[in-house]
Amino acid sequence: MGLFTVADARAELARLRPVLDELVRLRADAAELAASLRPGGRDTELGGLPEWKAAQARLDDLMTAIQATGAELKGFAPLLVDFPATLGDDDVLLCWLEGDDELRWYHRIDLGFAGRRMLE
């Protein structure tokens, strides 16, 4: 996949929002199901082992769908999605973190998340 412009990345993020929202919901369900399956775990109305396996398979599908766009899934809890781009002369990653309303951040590839800056 190629590089994103800021506008392209924002449009792709808007298209991905239903996928990201489902991933967040399913991540919580899978965690609850996994806890219920441990010795001494509390019962859950979500089901048991078959439902946990189904949740894991669906999570894999959702993560694959995100990466198929050219975006990079860098974090799972919280979700962190990067979009490869160029700003000026710098190779950067346009950065969306779970809880962000929109794509407003970037960081140079060599700096990582610690170098995260707000887009102008």
PDB file of N, CA and C in Angstrom:
ATOM      1  N   MET A   1       0.838  -1.176   0.000  1.00  0.00           N
ATOM      2  CA  MET A   1       0.000   0.000   0.000  1.00  0.00           C
ATOM      3  C   MET A   1       0.885   1.242   0.000  1.00  0.00           C
ATOM      4  N   GLY A   2       0.336   2.309  -0.526  1.00  0.00           N
ATOM      5  CA  GLY A   2       1.079   3.551  -0.608  1.00  0.00           C
ATOM      6  C   GLY A   2       0.916   4.398   0.633  1.00  0.00           C
ATOM      7  N   LEU A   3       1.365   5.626   0.479  1.00  0.00           N
ATOM      8  CA  LEU A   3       1.264   6.582   1.566  1.00  0.00           C
ATOM      9  C   LEU A   3      -0.103   7.253   1.554  1.00  0.00           C
ATOM     10  N   PHE A   4      -0.534   7.680   2.705  1.00  0.00           N
ATOM     11  CA  PHE A   4      -1.788   8.405   2.856  1.00  0.00           C
ATOM     12  C   PHE A   4      -1.510   9.899   2.899  1.00  0.00           C
ATOM     13  N   THR A   5      -2.408  10.694   2.364  1.00  0.00           N
ATOM     14  CA  THR A   5      -2.432  12.112   2.683  1.00  0.00           C
ATOM     15  C   THR A   5      -3.227  12.244   3.976  1.00  0.00           C
ATOM     16  N   VAL A   6      -3.179  13.397   4.607  1.00  0.00           N
ATOM     17  CA  VAL A   6      -3.961  13.599   5.827  1.00  0.00           C
ATOM     18  C   VAL A   6      -5.448  13.416   5.513  1.00  0.00           C
ATOM     19  N   ALA A   7      -5.911  13.988   4.387  1.00  0.00           N
ATOM     20  CA  ALA A   7      -7.328  13.871   4.013  1.00  0.00           C
ATOM     21  C   ALA A   7      -7.703  12.418   3.745  1.00  0.00           C
ATOM     22  N   ASP A   8      -6.832  11.680   3.041  1.00  0.00           N
ATOM     23  CA  ASP A   8      -7.112  10.264   2.763  1.00  0.00           C
ATOM     24  C   ASP A   8      -7.163   9.452   4.056  1.00  0.00           C
ATOM     25  N   ALA A   9      -6.236   9.710   4.967  1.00  0.00           N
ATOM     26  CA  ALA A   9      -6.207   8.973   6.239  1.00  0.00           C
ATOM     27  C   ALA A   9      -7.457   9.271   7.055  1.00  0.00           C
ATOM     28  N   ARG A  10      -7.880  10.532   7.064  1.00  0.00           N
ATOM     29  CA  ARG A  10      -9.098  10.873   7.806  1.00  0.00           C
ATOM     30  C   ARG A  10     -10.319  10.193   7.190  1.00  0.00           C
ATOM     31  N   ALA A  11     -10.380  10.131   5.870  1.00  0.00           N
ATOM     32  CA  ALA A  11     -11.496   9.458   5.198  1.00  0.00           C
ATOM     33  C   ALA A  11     -11.468   7.957   5.490  1.00  0.00           C
ATOM     34  N   GLU A  12     -10.287   7.363   5.463  1.00  0.00           N
ATOM     35  CA  GLU A  12     -10.170   5.928   5.754  1.00  0.00           C
ATOM     36  C   GLU A  12     -10.545   5.649   7.205  1.00  0.00           C
ATOM     37  N   LEU A  13     -10.136   6.510   8.110  1.00  0.00           N
ATOM     38  CA  LEU A  13     -10.509   6.338   9.509  1.00  0.00           C
ATOM     39  C   LEU A  13     -12.025   6.396   9.672  1.00  0.00           C
ATOM     40  N   ALA A  14     -12.674   7.314   8.969  1.00  0.00           N
ATOM     41  CA  ALA A  14     -14.140   7.402   9.042  1.00  0.00           C
ATOM     42  C   ALA A  14     -14.776   6.103   8.546  1.00  0.00           C
ATOM     43  N   ARG A  15     -14.232   5.525   7.470  1.00  0.00           N
ATOM     44  CA  ARG A  15     -14.757   4.250   6.962  1.00  0.00           C
ATOM     45  C   ARG A  15     -14.491   3.111   7.945  1.00  0.00           C
ATOM     46  N   LEU A  16     -13.390   3.194   8.672  1.00  0.00           N
ATOM     47  CA  LEU A  16     -13.008   2.137   9.612  1.00  0.00           C
ATOM     48  C   LEU A  16     -13.709   2.231  10.963  1.00  0.00           C
ATOM     49  N   ARG A  17     -14.348   3.342  11.262  1.00  0.00           N
ATOM     50  CA  ARG A  17     -14.936   3.518  12.596  1.00  0.00           C
ATOM     51  C   ARG A  17     -15.871   2.379  12.997  1.00  0.00           C
ATOM     52  N   PRO A  18     -16.763   1.882  12.125  1.00  0.00           N
ATOM     53  CA  PRO A  18     -17.597   0.746  12.547  1.00  0.00           C
ATOM     54  C   PRO A  18     -16.761  -0.489  12.897  1.00  0.00           C
ATOM     55  N   VAL A  19     -15.692  -0.721  12.169  1.00  0.00           N
ATOM     56  CA  VAL A  19     -14.800  -1.854  12.442  1.00  0.00           C
ATOM     57  C   VAL A  19     -14.104  -1.652  13.786  1.00  0.00           C
ATOM     58  N   LEU A  20     -13.599  -0.445  14.019  1.00  0.00           N
ATOM     59  CA  LEU A  20     -12.912  -0.141  15.272  1.00  0.00           C
ATOM     60  C   LEU A  20     -13.862  -0.243  16.460  1.00  0.00           C
ATOM     61  N   ASP A  21     -15.081   0.263  16.291  1.00  0.00           N
ATOM     62  CA  ASP A  21     -16.072   0.182  17.367  1.00  0.00           C
ATOM     63  C   ASP A  21     -16.421  -1.267  17.696  1.00  0.00           C
ATOM     64  N   GLU A  22     -16.574  -2.093  16.654  1.00  0.00           N
ATOM     65  CA  GLU A  22     -16.864  -3.509  16.893  1.00  0.00           C
ATOM     66  C   GLU A  22     -15.685  -4.188  17.578  1.00  0.00           C
ATOM     67  N   LEU A  23     -14.479  -3.840  17.164  1.00  0.00           N
ATOM     68  CA  LEU A  23     -13.293  -4.439  17.766  1.00  0.00           C
ATOM     69  C   LEU A  23     -13.229  -4.119  19.257  1.00  0.00           C
ATOM     70  N   VAL A  24     -13.508  -2.883  19.635  1.00  0.00           N
ATOM     71  CA  VAL A  24     -13.478  -2.496  21.048  1.00  0.00           C
ATOM     72  C   VAL A  24     -14.520  -3.290  21.843  1.00  0.00           C
ATOM     73  N   ARG A  25     -15.735  -3.393  21.311  1.00  0.00           N
ATOM     74  CA  ARG A  25     -16.797  -4.142  21.991  1.00  0.00           C
ATOM     75  C   ARG A  25     -16.428  -5.616  22.125  1.00  0.00           C
ATOM     76  N   LEU A  26     -15.946  -6.196  21.029  1.00  0.00           N
ATOM     77  CA  LEU A  26     -15.608  -7.610  21.023  1.00  0.00           C
ATOM     78  C   LEU A  26     -14.391  -7.912  21.893  1.00  0.00           C
ATOM     79  N   ARG A  27     -13.461  -6.979  21.957  1.00  0.00           N
ATOM     80  CA  ARG A  27     -12.289  -7.139  22.823  1.00  0.00           C
ATOM     81  C   ARG A  27     -12.741  -7.292  24.283  1.00  0.00           C
ATOM     82  N   ALA A  28     -13.701  -6.469  24.701  1.00  0.00           N
ATOM     83  CA  ALA A  28     -14.221  -6.552  26.070  1.00  0.00           C
ATOM     84  C   ALA A  28     -14.962  -7.873  26.290  1.00  0.00           C
ATOM     85  N   ASP A  29     -15.780  -8.274  25.314  1.00  0.00           N
ATOM     86  CA  ASP A  29     -16.488  -9.559  25.430  1.00  0.00           C
ATOM     87  C   ASP A  29     -15.505 -10.718  25.552  1.00  0.00           C
ATOM     88  N   ALA A  30     -14.454 -10.705  24.714  1.00  0.00           N
ATOM     89  CA  ALA A  30     -13.475 -11.791  24.735  1.00  0.00           C
ATOM     90  C   ALA A  30     -12.748 -11.832  26.073  1.00  0.00           C
ATOM     91  N   ALA A  31     -12.436 -10.675  26.633  1.00  0.00           N
ATOM     92  CA  ALA A  31     -11.774 -10.636  27.938  1.00  0.00           C
ATOM     93  C   ALA A  31     -12.678 -11.228  29.019  1.00  0.00           C
ATOM     94  N   GLU A  32     -13.962 -10.871  28.963  1.00  0.00           N
ATOM     95  CA  GLU A  32     -14.909 -11.397  29.953  1.00  0.00           C
ATOM     96  C   GLU A  32     -15.077 -12.905  29.803  1.00  0.00           C
ATOM     97  N   LEU A  33     -15.184 -13.364  28.553  1.00  0.00           N
ATOM     98  CA  LEU A  33     -15.304 -14.801  28.313  1.00  0.00           C
ATOM     99  C   LEU A  33     -14.061 -15.547  28.789  1.00  0.00           C
ATOM    100  N   ALA A  34     -12.878 -15.010  28.490  1.00  0.00           N
ATOM    101  CA  ALA A  34     -11.634 -15.658  28.912  1.00  0.00           C
ATOM    102  C   ALA A  34     -11.571 -15.764  30.433  1.00  0.00           C
ATOM    103  N   ALA A  35     -11.971 -14.696  31.128  1.00  0.00           N
ATOM    104  CA  ALA A  35     -11.954 -14.714  32.594  1.00  0.00           C
ATOM    105  C   ALA A  35     -12.918 -15.763  33.139  1.00  0.00           C
ATOM    106  N   SER A  36     -14.057 -15.917  32.471  1.00  0.00           N
ATOM    107  CA  SER A  36     -15.038 -16.893  32.952  1.00  0.00           C
ATOM    108  C   SER A  36     -14.561 -18.331  32.773  1.00  0.00           C
ATOM    109  N   LEU A  37     -13.641 -18.557  31.840  1.00  0.00           N
ATOM    110  CA  LEU A  37     -13.154 -19.903  31.557  1.00  0.00           C
ATOM    111  C   LEU A  37     -12.022 -20.334  32.485  1.00  0.00           C
ATOM    112  N   ARG A  38     -11.427 -19.399  33.203  1.00  0.00           N
ATOM    113  CA  ARG A  38     -10.354 -19.746  34.137  1.00  0.00           C
ATOM    114  C   ARG A  38     -10.938 -20.447  35.368  1.00  0.00           C
ATOM    115  N   PRO A  39     -10.150 -21.275  36.012  1.00  0.00           N
ATOM    116  CA  PRO A  39     -10.629 -21.923  37.246  1.00  0.00           C
ATOM    117  C   PRO A  39     -11.121 -20.863  38.239  1.00  0.00           C
ATOM    118  N   GLY A  40     -12.304 -21.062  38.736  1.00  0.00           N
ATOM    119  CA  GLY A  40     -12.890 -20.121  39.681  1.00  0.00           C
ATOM    120  C   GLY A  40     -13.487 -18.895  39.023  1.00  0.00           C
ATOM    121  N   GLY A  41     -13.498 -18.864  37.675  1.00  0.00           N
ATOM    122  CA  GLY A  41     -14.038 -17.724  36.950  1.00  0.00           C
ATOM    123  C   GLY A  41     -15.543 -17.593  37.144  1.00  0.00           C
ATOM    124  N   ARG A  42     -16.017 -16.364  37.070  1.00  0.00           N
ATOM    125  CA  ARG A  42     -17.445 -16.110  37.225  1.00  0.00           C
ATOM    126  C   ARG A  42     -18.164 -16.408  35.918  1.00  0.00           C
ATOM    127  N   ASP A  43     -19.361 -16.974  36.042  1.00  0.00           N
ATOM    128  CA  ASP A  43     -20.186 -17.231  34.861  1.00  0.00           C
ATOM    129  C   ASP A  43     -20.532 -15.912  34.190  1.00  0.00           C
ATOM    130  N   THR A  44     -20.704 -15.981  32.886  1.00  0.00           N
ATOM    131  CA  THR A  44     -21.105 -14.815  32.119  1.00  0.00           C
ATOM    132  C   THR A  44     -22.245 -15.204  31.194  1.00  0.00           C
ATOM    133  N   GLU A  45     -23.095 -14.257  30.929  1.00  0.00           N
ATOM    134  CA  GLU A  45     -24.207 -14.498  29.999  1.00  0.00           C
ATOM    135  C   GLU A  45     -23.740 -14.539  28.552  1.00  0.00           C
ATOM    136  N   LEU A  46     -22.451 -14.228  28.334  1.00  0.00           N
ATOM    137  CA  LEU A  46     -21.921 -14.189  26.971  1.00  0.00           C
ATOM    138  C   LEU A  46     -21.687 -15.578  26.395  1.00  0.00           C
ATOM    139  N   GLY A  47     -21.590 -16.587  27.246  1.00  0.00           N
ATOM    140  CA  GLY A  47     -21.391 -17.945  26.750  1.00  0.00           C
ATOM    141  C   GLY A  47     -20.196 -18.604  27.394  1.00  0.00           C
ATOM    142  N   GLY A  48     -19.544 -19.454  26.611  1.00  0.00           N
ATOM    143  CA  GLY A  48     -18.411 -20.221  27.113  1.00  0.00           C
ATOM    144  C   GLY A  48     -17.322 -20.330  26.066  1.00  0.00           C
ATOM    145  N   LEU A  49     -16.682 -21.496  26.033  1.00  0.00           N
ATOM    146  CA  LEU A  49     -15.544 -21.714  25.140  1.00  0.00           C
ATOM    147  C   LEU A  49     -15.881 -21.497  23.662  1.00  0.00           C
ATOM    148  N   PRO A  50     -17.012 -22.014  23.147  1.00  0.00           N
ATOM    149  CA  PRO A  50     -17.308 -21.780  21.723  1.00  0.00           C
ATOM    150  C   PRO A  50     -17.450 -20.283  21.391  1.00  0.00           C
ATOM    151  N   GLU A  51     -18.056 -19.530  22.292  1.00  0.00           N
ATOM    152  CA  GLU A  51     -18.231 -18.095  22.056  1.00  0.00           C
ATOM    153  C   GLU A  51     -16.897 -17.354  22.137  1.00  0.00           C
ATOM    154  N   TRP A  52     -16.015 -17.815  23.061  1.00  0.00           N
ATOM    155  CA  TRP A  52     -14.693 -17.211  23.152  1.00  0.00           C
ATOM    156  C   TRP A  52     -13.895 -17.459  21.874  1.00  0.00           C
ATOM    157  N   LYS A  53     -13.960 -18.703  21.367  1.00  0.00           N
ATOM    158  CA  LYS A  53     -13.249 -19.021  20.118  1.00  0.00           C
ATOM    159  C   LYS A  53     -13.806 -18.210  18.951  1.00  0.00           C
ATOM    160  N   ALA A  54     -15.125 -18.041  18.907  1.00  0.00           N
ATOM    161  CA  ALA A  54     -15.750 -17.242  17.850  1.00  0.00           C
ATOM    162  C   ALA A  54     -15.314 -15.782  17.959  1.00  0.00           C
ATOM    163  N   ALA A  55     -15.232 -15.275  19.170  1.00  0.00           N
ATOM    164  CA  ALA A  55     -14.796 -13.890  19.375  1.00  0.00           C
ATOM    165  C   ALA A  55     -13.359 -13.710  18.908  1.00  0.00           C
ATOM    166  N   GLN A  56     -12.493 -14.672  19.220  1.00  0.00           N
ATOM    167  CA  GLN A  56     -11.100 -14.596  18.783  1.00  0.00           C
ATOM    168  C   GLN A  56     -11.001 -14.597  17.260  1.00  0.00           C
ATOM    169  N   ALA A  57     -11.779 -15.448  16.614  1.00  0.00           N
ATOM    170  CA  ALA A  57     -11.766 -15.512  15.146  1.00  0.00           C
ATOM    171  C   ALA A  57     -12.254 -14.188  14.552  1.00  0.00           C
ATOM    172  N   ARG A  58     -13.308 -13.615  15.128  1.00  0.00           N
ATOM    173  CA  ARG A  58     -13.829 -12.348  14.617  1.00  0.00           C
ATOM    174  C   ARG A  58     -12.837 -11.211  14.861  1.00  0.00           C
ATOM    175  N   LEU A  59     -12.171 -11.217  15.998  1.00  0.00           N
ATOM    176  CA  LEU A  59     -11.139 -10.203  16.253  1.00  0.00           C
ATOM    177  C   LEU A  59     -10.037 -10.286  15.203  1.00  0.00           C
ATOM    178  N   ASP A  60      -9.620 -11.493  14.865  1.00  0.00           N
ATOM    179  CA  ASP A  60      -8.616 -11.668  13.809  1.00  0.00           C
ATOM    180  C   ASP A  60      -9.110 -11.089  12.492  1.00  0.00           C
ATOM    181  N   ASP A  61     -10.377 -11.338  12.143  1.00  0.00           N
ATOM    182  CA  ASP A  61     -10.960 -10.799  10.909  1.00  0.00           C
ATOM    183  C   ASP A  61     -10.938  -9.274  10.921  1.00  0.00           C
ATOM    184  N   LEU A  62     -11.316  -8.677  12.042  1.00  0.00           N
ATOM    185  CA  LEU A  62     -11.365  -7.219  12.142  1.00  0.00           C
ATOM    186  C   LEU A  62      -9.968  -6.613  12.036  1.00  0.00           C
ATOM    187  N   MET A  63      -8.988  -7.228  12.675  1.00  0.00           N
ATOM    188  CA  MET A  63      -7.619  -6.721  12.601  1.00  0.00           C
ATOM    189  C   MET A  63      -7.080  -6.831  11.174  1.00  0.00           C
ATOM    190  N   THR A  64      -7.420  -7.915  10.501  1.00  0.00           N
ATOM    191  CA  THR A  64      -7.006  -8.080   9.100  1.00  0.00           C
ATOM    192  C   THR A  64      -7.656  -7.018   8.221  1.00  0.00           C
ATOM    193  N   ALA A  65      -8.925  -6.719   8.466  1.00  0.00           N
ATOM    194  CA  ALA A  65      -9.627  -5.694   7.685  1.00  0.00           C
ATOM    195  C   ALA A  65      -8.970  -4.331   7.853  1.00  0.00           C
ATOM    196  N   ILE A  66      -8.520  -4.018   9.050  1.00  0.00           N
ATOM    197  CA  ILE A  66      -7.839  -2.737   9.281  1.00  0.00           C
ATOM    198  C   ILE A  66      -6.546  -2.692   8.495  1.00  0.00           C
ATOM    199  N   GLN A  67      -5.750  -3.733   8.584  1.00  0.00           N
ATOM    200  CA  GLN A  67      -4.444  -3.742   7.932  1.00  0.00           C
ATOM    201  C   GLN A  67      -4.571  -3.801   6.410  1.00  0.00           C
ATOM    202  N   ALA A  68      -5.667  -4.343   5.903  1.00  0.00           N
ATOM    203  CA  ALA A  68      -5.869  -4.422   4.452  1.00  0.00           C
ATOM    204  C   ALA A  68      -6.019  -3.038   3.824  1.00  0.00           C
ATOM    205  N   THR A  69      -6.326  -2.031   4.622  1.00  0.00           N
ATOM    206  CA  THR A  69      -6.477  -0.667   4.101  1.00  0.00           C
ATOM    207  C   THR A  69      -5.133   0.011   3.882  1.00  0.00           C
ATOM    208  N   GLY A  70      -4.072  -0.577   4.420  1.00  0.00           N
ATOM    209  CA  GLY A  70      -2.760   0.065   4.389  1.00  0.00           C
ATOM    210  C   GLY A  70      -2.418   0.710   5.713  1.00  0.00           C
ATOM    211  N   ALA A  71      -3.393   0.800   6.603  1.00  0.00           N
ATOM    212  CA  ALA A  71      -3.144   1.301   7.949  1.00  0.00           C
ATOM    213  C   ALA A  71      -2.406   0.220   8.736  1.00  0.00           C
ATOM    214  N   GLU A  72      -1.728   0.646   9.791  1.00  0.00           N
ATOM    215  CA  GLU A  72      -0.977  -0.278  10.635  1.00  0.00           C
ATOM    216  C   GLU A  72      -1.612  -0.305  12.019  1.00  0.00           C
ATOM    217  N   LEU A  73      -2.002  -1.479  12.466  1.00  0.00           N
ATOM    218  CA  LEU A  73      -2.557  -1.641  13.804  1.00  0.00           C
ATOM    219  C   LEU A  73      -1.383  -1.821  14.755  1.00  0.00           C
ATOM    220  N   LYS A  74      -1.119  -0.811  15.572  1.00  0.00           N
ATOM    221  CA  LYS A  74       0.063  -0.817  16.428  1.00  0.00           C
ATOM    222  C   LYS A  74      -0.252  -1.158  17.874  1.00  0.00           C
ATOM    223  N   GLY A  75      -1.507  -1.042  18.272  1.00  0.00           N
ATOM    224  CA  GLY A  75      -1.871  -1.355  19.639  1.00  0.00           C
ATOM    225  C   GLY A  75      -3.251  -1.966  19.674  1.00  0.00           C
ATOM    226  N   PHE A  76      -3.468  -2.830  20.656  1.00  0.00           N
ATOM    227  CA  PHE A  76      -4.735  -3.541  20.752  1.00  0.00           C
ATOM    228  C   PHE A  76      -5.574  -3.049  21.924  1.00  0.00           C
ATOM    229  N   ALA A  77      -4.933  -2.695  23.029  1.00  0.00           N
ATOM    230  CA  ALA A  77      -5.657  -2.213  24.209  1.00  0.00           C
ATOM    231  C   ALA A  77      -4.790  -1.171  24.900  1.00  0.00           C
ATOM    232  N   PRO A  78      -4.952   0.085  24.581  1.00  0.00           N
ATOM    233  CA  PRO A  78      -5.952   0.658  23.689  1.00  0.00           C
ATOM    234  C   PRO A  78      -5.558   0.493  22.218  1.00  0.00           C
ATOM    235  N   LEU A  79      -6.558   0.631  21.353  1.00  0.00           N
ATOM    236  CA  LEU A  79      -6.296   0.568  19.914  1.00  0.00           C
ATOM    237  C   LEU A  79      -5.417   1.738  19.502  1.00  0.00           C
ATOM    238  N   LEU A  80      -4.455   1.452  18.666  1.00  0.00           N
ATOM    239  CA  LEU A  80      -3.591   2.480  18.091  1.00  0.00           C
ATOM    240  C   LEU A  80      -3.436   2.139  16.617  1.00  0.00           C
ATOM    241  N   VAL A  81      -3.877   3.048  15.759  1.00  0.00           N
ATOM    242  CA  VAL A  81      -3.822   2.833  14.319  1.00  0.00           C
ATOM    243  C   VAL A  81      -2.980   3.938  13.704  1.00  0.00           C
ATOM    244  N   ASP A  82      -1.979   3.549  12.911  1.00  0.00           N
ATOM    245  CA  ASP A  82      -1.108   4.487  12.225  1.00  0.00           C
ATOM    246  C   ASP A  82      -1.323   4.396  10.726  1.00  0.00           C
ATOM    247  N   PHE A  83      -1.208   5.556  10.072  1.00  0.00           N
ATOM    248  CA  PHE A  83      -1.339   5.666   8.625  1.00  0.00           C
ATOM    249  C   PHE A  83      -0.030   6.230   8.086  1.00  0.00           C
ATOM    250  N   PRO A  84       0.743   5.442   7.324  1.00  0.00           N
ATOM    251  CA  PRO A  84       2.008   5.938   6.774  1.00  0.00           C
ATOM    252  C   PRO A  84       1.778   7.146   5.862  1.00  0.00           C
ATOM    253  N   ALA A  85       2.619   8.161   6.028  1.00  0.00           N
ATOM    254  CA  ALA A  85       2.456   9.401   5.265  1.00  0.00           C
ATOM    255  C   ALA A  85       3.802  10.117   5.190  1.00  0.00           C
ATOM    256  N   THR A  86       3.812  11.208   4.447  1.00  0.00           N
ATOM    257  CA  THR A  86       4.953  12.112   4.397  1.00  0.00           C
ATOM    258  C   THR A  86       4.439  13.511   4.706  1.00  0.00           C
ATOM    259  N   LEU A  87       5.111  14.175   5.624  1.00  0.00           N
ATOM    260  CA  LEU A  87       4.816  15.580   5.918  1.00  0.00           C
ATOM    261  C   LEU A  87       6.111  16.351   5.700  1.00  0.00           C
ATOM    262  N   GLY A  88       6.084  17.257   4.738  1.00  0.00           N
ATOM    263  CA  GLY A  88       7.325  17.938   4.373  1.00  0.00           C
ATOM    264  C   GLY A  88       8.305  16.912   3.845  1.00  0.00           C
ATOM    265  N   ASP A  89       9.479  16.872   4.449  1.00  0.00           N
ATOM    266  CA  ASP A  89      10.511  15.906   4.052  1.00  0.00           C
ATOM    267  C   ASP A  89      10.564  14.694   4.968  1.00  0.00           C
ATOM    268  N   ASP A  90       9.646  14.629   5.926  1.00  0.00           N
ATOM    269  CA  ASP A  90       9.698  13.570   6.926  1.00  0.00           C
ATOM    270  C   ASP A  90       8.722  12.434   6.635  1.00  0.00           C
ATOM    271  N   ASP A  91       9.208  11.205   6.792  1.00  0.00           N
ATOM    272  CA  ASP A  91       8.321  10.040   6.791  1.00  0.00           C
ATOM    273  C   ASP A  91       7.690   9.980   8.175  1.00  0.00           C
ATOM    274  N   VAL A  92       6.361   9.964   8.197  1.00  0.00           N
ATOM    275  CA  VAL A  92       5.641  10.010   9.471  1.00  0.00           C
ATOM    276  C   VAL A  92       4.551   8.950   9.493  1.00  0.00           C
ATOM    277  N   LEU A  93       3.987   8.783  10.664  1.00  0.00           N
ATOM    278  CA  LEU A  93       2.795   7.973  10.836  1.00  0.00           C
ATOM    279  C   LEU A  93       1.717   8.888  11.407  1.00  0.00           C
ATOM    280  N   LEU A  94       0.618   9.028  10.663  1.00  0.00           N
ATOM    281  CA  LEU A  94      -0.543   9.744  11.167  1.00  0.00           C
ATOM    282  C   LEU A  94      -1.183   8.811  12.179  1.00  0.00           C
ATOM    283  N   CYS A  95      -1.482   9.306  13.348  1.00  0.00           N
ATOM    284  CA  CYS A  95      -1.699   8.452  14.510  1.00  0.00           C
ATOM    285  C   CYS A  95      -3.084   8.676  15.109  1.00  0.00           C
ATOM    286  N   TRP A  96      -3.876   7.598  15.185  1.00  0.00           N
ATOM    287  CA  TRP A  96      -5.175   7.632  15.872  1.00  0.00           C
ATOM    288  C   TRP A  96      -5.116   6.686  17.048  1.00  0.00           C
ATOM    289  N   LEU A  97      -5.489   7.193  18.223  1.00  0.00           N
ATOM    290  CA  LEU A  97      -5.509   6.415  19.448  1.00  0.00           C
ATOM    291  C   LEU A  97      -6.954   6.290  19.911  1.00  0.00           C
ATOM    292  N   GLU A  98      -7.339   5.099  20.332  1.00  0.00           N
ATOM    293  CA  GLU A  98      -8.688   4.866  20.851  1.00  0.00           C
ATOM    294  C   GLU A  98      -9.071   5.996  21.809  1.00  0.00           C
ATOM    295  N   GLY A  99     -10.239   6.552  21.591  1.00  0.00           N
ATOM    296  CA  GLY A  99     -10.706   7.673  22.390  1.00  0.00           C
ATOM    297  C   GLY A  99     -10.582   9.000  21.662  1.00  0.00           C
ATOM    298  N   ASP A 100      -9.696   9.069  20.653  1.00  0.00           N
ATOM    299  CA  ASP A 100      -9.589  10.293  19.837  1.00  0.00           C
ATOM    300  C   ASP A 100     -10.844  10.424  18.982  1.00  0.00           C
ATOM    301  N   ASP A 101     -11.371  11.640  18.885  1.00  0.00           N
ATOM    302  CA  ASP A 101     -12.541  11.888  18.043  1.00  0.00           C
ATOM    303  C   ASP A 101     -12.206  11.817  16.566  1.00  0.00           C
ATOM    304  N   GLU A 102     -11.000  12.234  16.229  1.00  0.00           N
ATOM    305  CA  GLU A 102     -10.589  12.251  14.826  1.00  0.00           C
ATOM    306  C   GLU A 102      -9.081  12.078  14.755  1.00  0.00           C
ATOM    307  N   LEU A 103      -8.571  12.045  13.548  1.00  0.00           N
ATOM    308  CA  LEU A 103      -7.134  11.906  13.325  1.00  0.00           C
ATOM    309  C   LEU A 103      -6.499  13.289  13.447  1.00  0.00           C
ATOM    310  N   ARG A 104      -5.775  13.528  14.560  1.00  0.00           N
ATOM    311  CA  ARG A 104      -5.202  14.846  14.811  1.00  0.00           C
ATOM    312  C   ARG A 104      -3.722  14.798  15.156  1.00  0.00           C
ATOM    313  N   TRP A 105      -3.118  13.626  15.130  1.00  0.00           N
ATOM    314  CA  TRP A 105      -1.747  13.484  15.603  1.00  0.00           C
ATOM    315  C   TRP A 105      -0.868  12.790  14.566  1.00  0.00           C
ATOM    316  N   TYR A 106       0.429  13.004  14.691  1.00  0.00           N
ATOM    317  CA  TYR A 106       1.413  12.299  13.870  1.00  0.00           C
ATOM    318  C   TYR A 106       2.689  12.159  14.682  1.00  0.00           C
ATOM    319  N   HIS A 107       3.546  11.275  14.230  1.00  0.00           N
ATOM    320  CA  HIS A 107       4.899  11.209  14.781  1.00  0.00           C
ATOM    321  C   HIS A 107       5.833  10.720  13.697  1.00  0.00           C
ATOM    322  N   ARG A 108       7.077  11.195  13.770  1.00  0.00           N
ATOM    323  CA  ARG A 108       8.087  10.702  12.847  1.00  0.00           C
ATOM    324  C   ARG A 108       8.274   9.220  13.097  1.00  0.00           C
ATOM    325  N   ILE A 109       8.571   8.497  12.038  1.00  0.00           N
ATOM    326  CA  ILE A 109       8.744   7.050  12.149  1.00  0.00           C
ATOM    327  C   ILE A 109       9.875   6.708  13.112  1.00  0.00           C
ATOM    328  N   ASP A 110      10.949   7.471  13.073  1.00  0.00           N
ATOM    329  CA  ASP A 110      12.098   7.155  13.917  1.00  0.00           C
ATOM    330  C   ASP A 110      11.889   7.524  15.381  1.00  0.00           C
ATOM    331  N   LEU A 111      10.866   8.310  15.698  1.00  0.00           N
ATOM    332  CA  LEU A 111      10.622   8.720  17.078  1.00  0.00           C
ATOM    333  C   LEU A 111       9.564   7.882  17.784  1.00  0.00           C
ATOM    334  N   GLY A 112       8.645   7.314  17.028  1.00  0.00           N
ATOM    335  CA  GLY A 112       7.584   6.524  17.641  1.00  0.00           C
ATOM    336  C   GLY A 112       6.596   7.389  18.407  1.00  0.00           C
ATOM    337  N   PHE A 113       5.759   6.725  19.182  1.00  0.00           N
ATOM    338  CA  PHE A 113       4.652   7.382  19.879  1.00  0.00           C
ATOM    339  C   PHE A 113       5.125   8.503  20.804  1.00  0.00           C
ATOM    340  N   ALA A 114       6.305   8.365  21.386  1.00  0.00           N
ATOM    341  CA  ALA A 114       6.822   9.387  22.296  1.00  0.00           C
ATOM    342  C   ALA A 114       7.023  10.726  21.592  1.00  0.00           C
ATOM    343  N   GLY A 115       7.179  10.708  20.260  1.00  0.00           N
ATOM    344  CA  GLY A 115       7.371  11.933  19.492  1.00  0.00           C
ATOM    345  C   GLY A 115       6.084  12.452  18.881  1.00  0.00           C
ATOM    346  N   ARG A 116       4.969  12.027  19.399  1.00  0.00           N
ATOM    347  CA  ARG A 116       3.650  12.385  18.862  1.00  0.00           C
ATOM    348  C   ARG A 116       3.400  13.885  18.966  1.00  0.00           C
ATOM    349  N   ARG A 117       2.981  14.467  17.841  1.00  0.00           N
ATOM    350  CA  ARG A 117       2.683  15.902  17.764  1.00  0.00           C
ATOM    351  C   ARG A 117       1.330  16.101  17.117  1.00  0.00           C
ATOM    352  N   MET A 118       0.702  17.236  17.440  1.00  0.00           N
ATOM    353  CA  MET A 118      -0.593  17.554  16.859  1.00  0.00           C
ATOM    354  C   MET A 118      -0.400  18.041  15.421  1.00  0.00           C
ATOM    355  N   LEU A 119      -1.274  17.576  14.529  1.00  0.00           N
ATOM    356  CA  LEU A 119      -1.270  18.072  13.157  1.00  0.00           C
ATOM    357  C   LEU A 119      -1.704  19.534  13.155  1.00  0.00           C
ATOM    358  N   GLU A 120      -1.168  20.307  12.233  1.00  0.00           N
ATOM    359  CA  GLU A 120      -1.551  21.722  12.140  1.00  0.00           C
ATOM    360  C   GLU A 120      -2.789  21.874  11.311  1.00  0.00           C
TER     361      GLU A 120
END
